[in-house]
Amino acid sequence: MTTHSIINPPGLHNPVGYGYSHTVDIPAPAGLVLIGGQYGSDAEGAVVSDDFAEQVERAFTNLGTALAAAGLDYTHVTRLGTYIVDHDQDKLAALLAVVSRIWGDEPPAQTLLGVATLALPGMLFEVDAIAVRSA
């Protein structure tokens, strides 16, 4: 009996070679969708820019792609995990701009971790998420 489905949507790189999947869909009664770390990558997994703000924008676009593959959108997100290399106030402001544009005055719960490095060279930002299907 399968308790979940793995979704690696077109438009995002194939993550299996890196040891993870983009999305895990856990059906009712839990109704959870877990989104693995999304970063500023193109469809082949290459980092798109060395600019932090551009990486944040692309990471959240990729998050939207992963959500859509499970039939969801940003409104279903209840928790974010965000990871910033060499975190500072300017980077926090860039992240806040994107989160505010997407969720306005009702952002999901979020934990931000400042880190020394991420999985691939050039990665400056990563976001993971938990989403809940509407009842």
N, C-alpha and C. Protein backbone atom coordinates (compact mmCIF):
# COMPACT_ATOMS: atom_id res chain seq x y z
N MET A 1 0.85 -1.18 0.00
CA MET A 1 0.00 0.00 0.00
C MET A 1 0.89 1.24 0.00
N THR A 2 0.73 2.11 -1.00
CA THR A 2 1.51 3.34 -1.08
C THR A 2 0.89 4.39 -0.18
N THR A 3 1.73 5.01 0.62
CA THR A 3 1.23 6.04 1.54
C THR A 3 1.51 7.44 1.04
N HIS A 4 2.25 7.54 -0.08
CA HIS A 4 2.57 8.86 -0.62
C HIS A 4 2.95 8.71 -2.10
N SER A 5 2.97 9.85 -2.78
CA SER A 5 3.38 9.90 -4.18
C SER A 5 4.55 10.86 -4.31
N ILE A 6 5.49 10.49 -5.15
CA ILE A 6 6.64 11.34 -5.46
C ILE A 6 6.33 12.08 -6.76
N ILE A 7 6.57 13.39 -6.78
CA ILE A 7 6.34 14.19 -7.99
C ILE A 7 7.61 14.98 -8.28
N ASN A 8 8.18 14.75 -9.45
CA ASN A 8 9.30 15.53 -9.94
C ASN A 8 8.85 16.18 -11.24
N PRO A 9 8.28 17.40 -11.14
CA PRO A 9 7.58 17.99 -12.28
C PRO A 9 8.48 18.43 -13.43
N PRO A 10 7.94 18.37 -14.64
CA PRO A 10 8.64 18.98 -15.77
C PRO A 10 8.84 20.47 -15.48
N GLY A 11 9.92 21.01 -15.96
CA GLY A 11 10.23 22.41 -15.70
C GLY A 11 11.22 22.59 -14.57
N LEU A 12 11.36 21.57 -13.74
CA LEU A 12 12.38 21.57 -12.70
C LEU A 12 13.39 20.47 -13.03
N HIS A 13 14.63 20.67 -12.63
CA HIS A 13 15.66 19.68 -12.93
C HIS A 13 15.34 18.34 -12.27
N ASN A 14 15.93 17.27 -12.79
CA ASN A 14 15.76 15.95 -12.21
C ASN A 14 16.63 15.85 -10.97
N PRO A 15 16.02 15.79 -9.77
CA PRO A 15 16.80 15.82 -8.54
C PRO A 15 17.28 14.45 -8.05
N VAL A 16 16.84 13.37 -8.68
CA VAL A 16 17.11 12.03 -8.17
C VAL A 16 18.62 11.77 -8.07
N GLY A 17 19.38 12.25 -9.04
CA GLY A 17 20.82 12.07 -9.00
C GLY A 17 21.48 12.78 -7.83
N TYR A 18 20.77 13.75 -7.25
CA TYR A 18 21.27 14.46 -6.08
C TYR A 18 20.76 13.85 -4.77
N GLY A 19 19.92 12.79 -4.90
CA GLY A 19 19.46 12.07 -3.72
C GLY A 19 18.18 12.59 -3.09
N TYR A 20 17.35 13.29 -3.84
CA TYR A 20 16.08 13.75 -3.29
C TYR A 20 15.03 13.88 -4.39
N SER A 21 13.79 14.13 -4.00
CA SER A 21 12.70 14.43 -4.92
C SER A 21 12.17 15.81 -4.60
N HIS A 22 11.55 16.45 -5.59
CA HIS A 22 11.03 17.80 -5.37
C HIS A 22 9.82 17.81 -4.45
N THR A 23 8.89 16.87 -4.65
CA THR A 23 7.61 16.94 -3.96
C THR A 23 7.17 15.56 -3.50
N VAL A 24 6.65 15.49 -2.28
CA VAL A 24 6.02 14.29 -1.76
C VAL A 24 4.60 14.67 -1.38
N ASP A 25 3.65 13.95 -1.96
CA ASP A 25 2.23 14.20 -1.71
C ASP A 25 1.71 13.10 -0.80
N ILE A 26 1.24 13.49 0.39
CA ILE A 26 0.67 12.55 1.36
C ILE A 26 -0.84 12.76 1.35
N PRO A 27 -1.60 11.78 0.87
CA PRO A 27 -3.04 11.98 0.71
C PRO A 27 -3.78 12.05 2.05
N ALA A 28 -5.10 12.28 1.95
CA ALA A 28 -5.97 12.34 3.12
C ALA A 28 -5.78 11.05 3.92
N PRO A 29 -5.91 11.09 5.21
CA PRO A 29 -6.42 12.23 5.97
C PRO A 29 -5.38 13.31 6.25
N ALA A 30 -4.11 13.03 6.06
CA ALA A 30 -3.09 14.06 6.37
C ALA A 30 -3.20 15.23 5.41
N GLY A 31 -3.26 14.97 4.11
CA GLY A 31 -3.39 16.03 3.12
C GLY A 31 -2.19 16.95 3.05
N LEU A 32 -1.01 16.43 3.33
CA LEU A 32 0.20 17.25 3.33
C LEU A 32 0.95 17.10 2.01
N VAL A 33 1.58 18.18 1.60
CA VAL A 33 2.50 18.15 0.47
C VAL A 33 3.80 18.77 0.96
N LEU A 34 4.87 18.00 0.85
CA LEU A 34 6.18 18.42 1.31
C LEU A 34 7.02 18.77 0.10
N ILE A 35 7.56 19.98 0.08
CA ILE A 35 8.37 20.45 -1.04
C ILE A 35 9.82 20.51 -0.58
N GLY A 36 10.68 19.76 -1.27
CA GLY A 36 12.11 19.77 -0.98
C GLY A 36 12.72 21.11 -1.36
N GLY A 37 13.93 21.33 -0.94
CA GLY A 37 14.62 22.59 -1.15
C GLY A 37 14.65 23.03 -2.60
N GLN A 38 14.16 24.24 -2.85
CA GLN A 38 14.18 24.85 -4.17
C GLN A 38 15.17 26.00 -4.14
N TYR A 39 15.94 26.10 -5.20
CA TYR A 39 16.95 27.16 -5.25
C TYR A 39 16.85 27.86 -6.59
N GLY A 40 17.68 28.83 -6.81
CA GLY A 40 17.64 29.61 -8.04
C GLY A 40 18.21 28.86 -9.21
N SER A 41 17.52 27.79 -9.64
CA SER A 41 18.04 26.92 -10.69
C SER A 41 17.18 26.98 -11.94
N ASP A 42 17.82 26.64 -13.06
CA ASP A 42 17.08 26.47 -14.31
C ASP A 42 16.60 25.02 -14.39
N ALA A 43 16.00 24.65 -15.51
CA ALA A 43 15.42 23.32 -15.69
C ALA A 43 16.47 22.21 -15.68
N GLU A 44 17.75 22.56 -15.84
CA GLU A 44 18.82 21.57 -15.80
C GLU A 44 19.52 21.53 -14.44
N GLY A 45 19.12 22.38 -13.52
CA GLY A 45 19.70 22.40 -12.18
C GLY A 45 20.84 23.38 -11.99
N ALA A 46 21.18 24.15 -13.04
CA ALA A 46 22.27 25.13 -12.92
C ALA A 46 21.77 26.38 -12.21
N VAL A 47 22.60 26.94 -11.35
CA VAL A 47 22.28 28.20 -10.68
C VAL A 47 22.16 29.29 -11.75
N VAL A 48 21.07 30.07 -11.72
CA VAL A 48 20.78 31.02 -12.80
C VAL A 48 21.52 32.34 -12.71
N SER A 49 22.01 32.69 -11.54
CA SER A 49 22.62 34.00 -11.36
C SER A 49 23.49 33.99 -10.11
N ASP A 50 24.44 34.90 -10.05
CA ASP A 50 25.20 35.06 -8.81
C ASP A 50 24.61 36.18 -7.95
N ASP A 51 23.48 36.75 -8.39
CA ASP A 51 22.78 37.81 -7.66
C ASP A 51 21.80 37.19 -6.67
N PHE A 52 21.94 37.55 -5.40
CA PHE A 52 21.10 36.95 -4.36
C PHE A 52 19.61 37.16 -4.63
N ALA A 53 19.19 38.38 -4.92
CA ALA A 53 17.77 38.67 -5.14
C ALA A 53 17.21 37.86 -6.31
N GLU A 54 17.98 37.71 -7.38
CA GLU A 54 17.53 36.90 -8.51
C GLU A 54 17.39 35.44 -8.13
N GLN A 55 18.29 34.95 -7.29
CA GLN A 55 18.17 33.56 -6.83
C GLN A 55 16.92 33.36 -5.98
N VAL A 56 16.61 34.33 -5.13
CA VAL A 56 15.41 34.23 -4.30
C VAL A 56 14.17 34.20 -5.19
N GLU A 57 14.10 35.11 -6.16
CA GLU A 57 12.95 35.14 -7.09
C GLU A 57 12.78 33.79 -7.79
N ARG A 58 13.87 33.25 -8.32
CA ARG A 58 13.78 31.99 -9.06
C ARG A 58 13.44 30.84 -8.14
N ALA A 59 13.97 30.82 -6.93
CA ALA A 59 13.65 29.75 -5.98
C ALA A 59 12.15 29.72 -5.68
N PHE A 60 11.55 30.89 -5.50
CA PHE A 60 10.11 30.93 -5.23
C PHE A 60 9.29 30.60 -6.48
N THR A 61 9.80 30.95 -7.65
CA THR A 61 9.14 30.51 -8.89
C THR A 61 9.17 28.99 -8.97
N ASN A 62 10.32 28.40 -8.67
CA ASN A 62 10.44 26.94 -8.67
C ASN A 62 9.54 26.31 -7.61
N LEU A 63 9.41 26.95 -6.46
CA LEU A 63 8.49 26.47 -5.44
C LEU A 63 7.07 26.46 -6.00
N GLY A 64 6.68 27.50 -6.71
CA GLY A 64 5.36 27.55 -7.33
C GLY A 64 5.15 26.43 -8.34
N THR A 65 6.19 26.10 -9.10
CA THR A 65 6.12 25.00 -10.06
C THR A 65 5.90 23.67 -9.35
N ALA A 66 6.63 23.46 -8.27
CA ALA A 66 6.48 22.22 -7.49
C ALA A 66 5.08 22.13 -6.88
N LEU A 67 4.57 23.24 -6.36
CA LEU A 67 3.22 23.25 -5.80
C LEU A 67 2.18 22.94 -6.88
N ALA A 68 2.32 23.56 -8.03
CA ALA A 68 1.36 23.36 -9.12
C ALA A 68 1.33 21.91 -9.57
N ALA A 69 2.47 21.23 -9.54
CA ALA A 69 2.53 19.83 -9.94
C ALA A 69 1.69 18.95 -9.01
N ALA A 70 1.46 19.42 -7.80
CA ALA A 70 0.62 18.70 -6.84
C ALA A 70 -0.80 19.27 -6.81
N GLY A 71 -1.10 20.19 -7.73
CA GLY A 71 -2.44 20.78 -7.79
C GLY A 71 -2.67 21.87 -6.76
N LEU A 72 -1.59 22.48 -6.28
CA LEU A 72 -1.69 23.50 -5.24
C LEU A 72 -1.06 24.80 -5.71
N ASP A 73 -1.17 25.83 -4.86
CA ASP A 73 -0.50 27.10 -5.12
C ASP A 73 0.02 27.64 -3.79
N TYR A 74 0.55 28.85 -3.84
CA TYR A 74 1.16 29.44 -2.64
C TYR A 74 0.20 29.55 -1.46
N THR A 75 -1.10 29.67 -1.72
CA THR A 75 -2.06 29.82 -0.62
C THR A 75 -2.14 28.58 0.26
N HIS A 76 -1.66 27.45 -0.24
CA HIS A 76 -1.70 26.21 0.53
C HIS A 76 -0.49 26.04 1.44
N VAL A 77 0.51 26.90 1.30
CA VAL A 77 1.74 26.78 2.09
C VAL A 77 1.50 27.24 3.53
N THR A 78 1.90 26.37 4.47
CA THR A 78 1.73 26.70 5.89
C THR A 78 3.06 26.93 6.60
N ARG A 79 4.16 26.43 6.01
CA ARG A 79 5.47 26.60 6.63
C ARG A 79 6.55 26.68 5.56
N LEU A 80 7.50 27.58 5.79
CA LEU A 80 8.69 27.71 4.95
C LEU A 80 9.93 27.47 5.80
N GLY A 81 10.92 26.85 5.20
CA GLY A 81 12.27 26.81 5.76
C GLY A 81 13.15 27.55 4.77
N THR A 82 13.85 28.57 5.21
CA THR A 82 14.69 29.35 4.31
C THR A 82 16.13 29.32 4.80
N TYR A 83 17.05 29.28 3.84
CA TYR A 83 18.46 29.11 4.13
C TYR A 83 19.24 30.14 3.32
N ILE A 84 19.99 30.99 4.00
CA ILE A 84 20.71 32.09 3.35
C ILE A 84 22.20 31.97 3.66
N VAL A 85 23.01 31.92 2.60
CA VAL A 85 24.46 31.91 2.77
C VAL A 85 24.91 33.32 3.16
N ASP A 86 25.72 33.40 4.22
CA ASP A 86 26.24 34.68 4.72
C ASP A 86 25.12 35.70 4.94
N HIS A 87 24.13 35.28 5.70
CA HIS A 87 22.94 36.10 5.99
C HIS A 87 23.32 37.49 6.50
N ASP A 88 22.62 38.50 5.99
CA ASP A 88 22.74 39.87 6.50
C ASP A 88 21.40 40.58 6.27
N GLN A 89 21.30 41.82 6.71
CA GLN A 89 20.04 42.55 6.64
C GLN A 89 19.61 42.84 5.19
N ASP A 90 20.55 43.06 4.29
CA ASP A 90 20.18 43.29 2.89
C ASP A 90 19.55 42.04 2.28
N LYS A 91 20.10 40.88 2.61
CA LYS A 91 19.53 39.63 2.10
C LYS A 91 18.16 39.37 2.72
N LEU A 92 18.02 39.69 3.99
CA LEU A 92 16.72 39.55 4.65
C LEU A 92 15.69 40.45 3.96
N ALA A 93 16.07 41.66 3.60
CA ALA A 93 15.15 42.57 2.91
C ALA A 93 14.73 42.01 1.55
N ALA A 94 15.66 41.40 0.82
CA ALA A 94 15.33 40.80 -0.48
C ALA A 94 14.35 39.66 -0.31
N LEU A 95 14.55 38.82 0.71
CA LEU A 95 13.62 37.73 0.99
C LEU A 95 12.26 38.28 1.40
N LEU A 96 12.24 39.25 2.28
CA LEU A 96 10.98 39.84 2.74
C LEU A 96 10.18 40.42 1.58
N ALA A 97 10.84 41.03 0.61
CA ALA A 97 10.13 41.60 -0.54
C ALA A 97 9.36 40.52 -1.30
N VAL A 98 9.98 39.37 -1.49
CA VAL A 98 9.31 38.28 -2.24
C VAL A 98 8.19 37.68 -1.40
N VAL A 99 8.47 37.38 -0.13
CA VAL A 99 7.45 36.80 0.74
C VAL A 99 6.25 37.74 0.86
N SER A 100 6.50 39.04 1.01
CA SER A 100 5.41 40.01 1.13
C SER A 100 4.59 40.10 -0.16
N ARG A 101 5.25 40.02 -1.30
CA ARG A 101 4.53 40.07 -2.57
C ARG A 101 3.63 38.84 -2.75
N ILE A 102 4.12 37.69 -2.33
CA ILE A 102 3.34 36.45 -2.51
C ILE A 102 2.24 36.32 -1.47
N TRP A 103 2.53 36.56 -0.19
CA TRP A 103 1.57 36.29 0.88
C TRP A 103 1.01 37.53 1.56
N GLY A 104 1.49 38.71 1.23
CA GLY A 104 0.96 39.92 1.83
C GLY A 104 1.12 39.93 3.34
N ASP A 105 0.03 40.26 4.03
CA ASP A 105 0.05 40.37 5.49
C ASP A 105 -0.18 39.04 6.21
N GLU A 106 -0.27 37.93 5.46
CA GLU A 106 -0.49 36.63 6.09
C GLU A 106 0.51 35.60 5.59
N PRO A 107 1.80 35.83 5.88
CA PRO A 107 2.81 34.85 5.45
C PRO A 107 2.71 33.57 6.27
N PRO A 108 3.22 32.47 5.71
CA PRO A 108 3.26 31.23 6.48
C PRO A 108 4.28 31.32 7.61
N ALA A 109 4.24 30.36 8.50
CA ALA A 109 5.30 30.24 9.51
C ALA A 109 6.61 30.04 8.75
N GLN A 110 7.70 30.59 9.29
CA GLN A 110 8.97 30.50 8.58
C GLN A 110 10.12 30.42 9.59
N THR A 111 11.06 29.56 9.28
CA THR A 111 12.33 29.52 9.99
C THR A 111 13.41 29.90 9.00
N LEU A 112 14.24 30.87 9.36
CA LEU A 112 15.36 31.30 8.52
C LEU A 112 16.65 30.88 9.20
N LEU A 113 17.49 30.20 8.44
CA LEU A 113 18.80 29.82 8.95
C LEU A 113 19.89 30.47 8.11
N GLY A 114 20.82 31.13 8.75
CA GLY A 114 22.02 31.61 8.09
C GLY A 114 23.00 30.46 8.04
N VAL A 115 23.54 30.18 6.87
CA VAL A 115 24.42 29.03 6.70
C VAL A 115 25.72 29.45 6.02
N ALA A 116 26.76 28.64 6.17
CA ALA A 116 28.05 28.93 5.55
C ALA A 116 28.05 28.58 4.07
N THR A 117 27.32 27.52 3.71
CA THR A 117 27.28 27.07 2.32
C THR A 117 26.04 26.21 2.11
N LEU A 118 25.69 26.01 0.84
CA LEU A 118 24.58 25.13 0.48
C LEU A 118 25.12 24.03 -0.43
N ALA A 119 24.25 23.22 -0.98
CA ALA A 119 24.63 21.97 -1.65
C ALA A 119 25.54 22.14 -2.87
N LEU A 120 25.32 23.18 -3.67
CA LEU A 120 26.08 23.35 -4.91
C LEU A 120 26.83 24.67 -4.91
N PRO A 121 27.95 24.73 -5.60
CA PRO A 121 28.67 26.00 -5.72
C PRO A 121 27.78 27.08 -6.34
N GLY A 122 27.84 28.25 -5.77
CA GLY A 122 27.06 29.37 -6.28
C GLY A 122 25.69 29.53 -5.68
N MET A 123 25.18 28.50 -4.99
CA MET A 123 23.87 28.62 -4.34
C MET A 123 23.98 29.59 -3.16
N LEU A 124 23.09 30.59 -3.14
CA LEU A 124 23.07 31.57 -2.05
C LEU A 124 21.80 31.49 -1.22
N PHE A 125 20.78 30.78 -1.75
CA PHE A 125 19.47 30.74 -1.10
C PHE A 125 18.78 29.43 -1.43
N GLU A 126 18.01 28.93 -0.46
CA GLU A 126 17.20 27.73 -0.68
C GLU A 126 15.94 27.86 0.18
N VAL A 127 14.83 27.32 -0.33
CA VAL A 127 13.57 27.34 0.42
C VAL A 127 12.90 25.98 0.30
N ASP A 128 12.38 25.47 1.41
CA ASP A 128 11.53 24.28 1.39
C ASP A 128 10.20 24.66 1.99
N ALA A 129 9.20 23.80 1.81
CA ALA A 129 7.85 24.19 2.27
C ALA A 129 7.02 22.98 2.65
N ILE A 130 6.05 23.25 3.48
CA ILE A 130 4.97 22.30 3.79
C ILE A 130 3.68 22.98 3.37
N ALA A 131 2.87 22.26 2.60
CA ALA A 131 1.57 22.77 2.17
C ALA A 131 0.50 21.78 2.62
N VAL A 132 -0.71 22.30 2.78
CA VAL A 132 -1.84 21.49 3.23
C VAL A 132 -2.97 21.63 2.22
N ARG A 133 -3.51 20.47 1.81
CA ARG A 133 -4.67 20.48 0.91
C ARG A 133 -5.90 20.97 1.68
N SER A 134 -6.72 21.74 0.99
CA SER A 134 -7.98 22.19 1.61
C SER A 134 -8.89 20.99 1.83
N ALA A 135 -9.64 21.04 2.92
CA ALA A 135 -10.56 19.95 3.23
C ALA A 135 -11.73 19.94 2.28
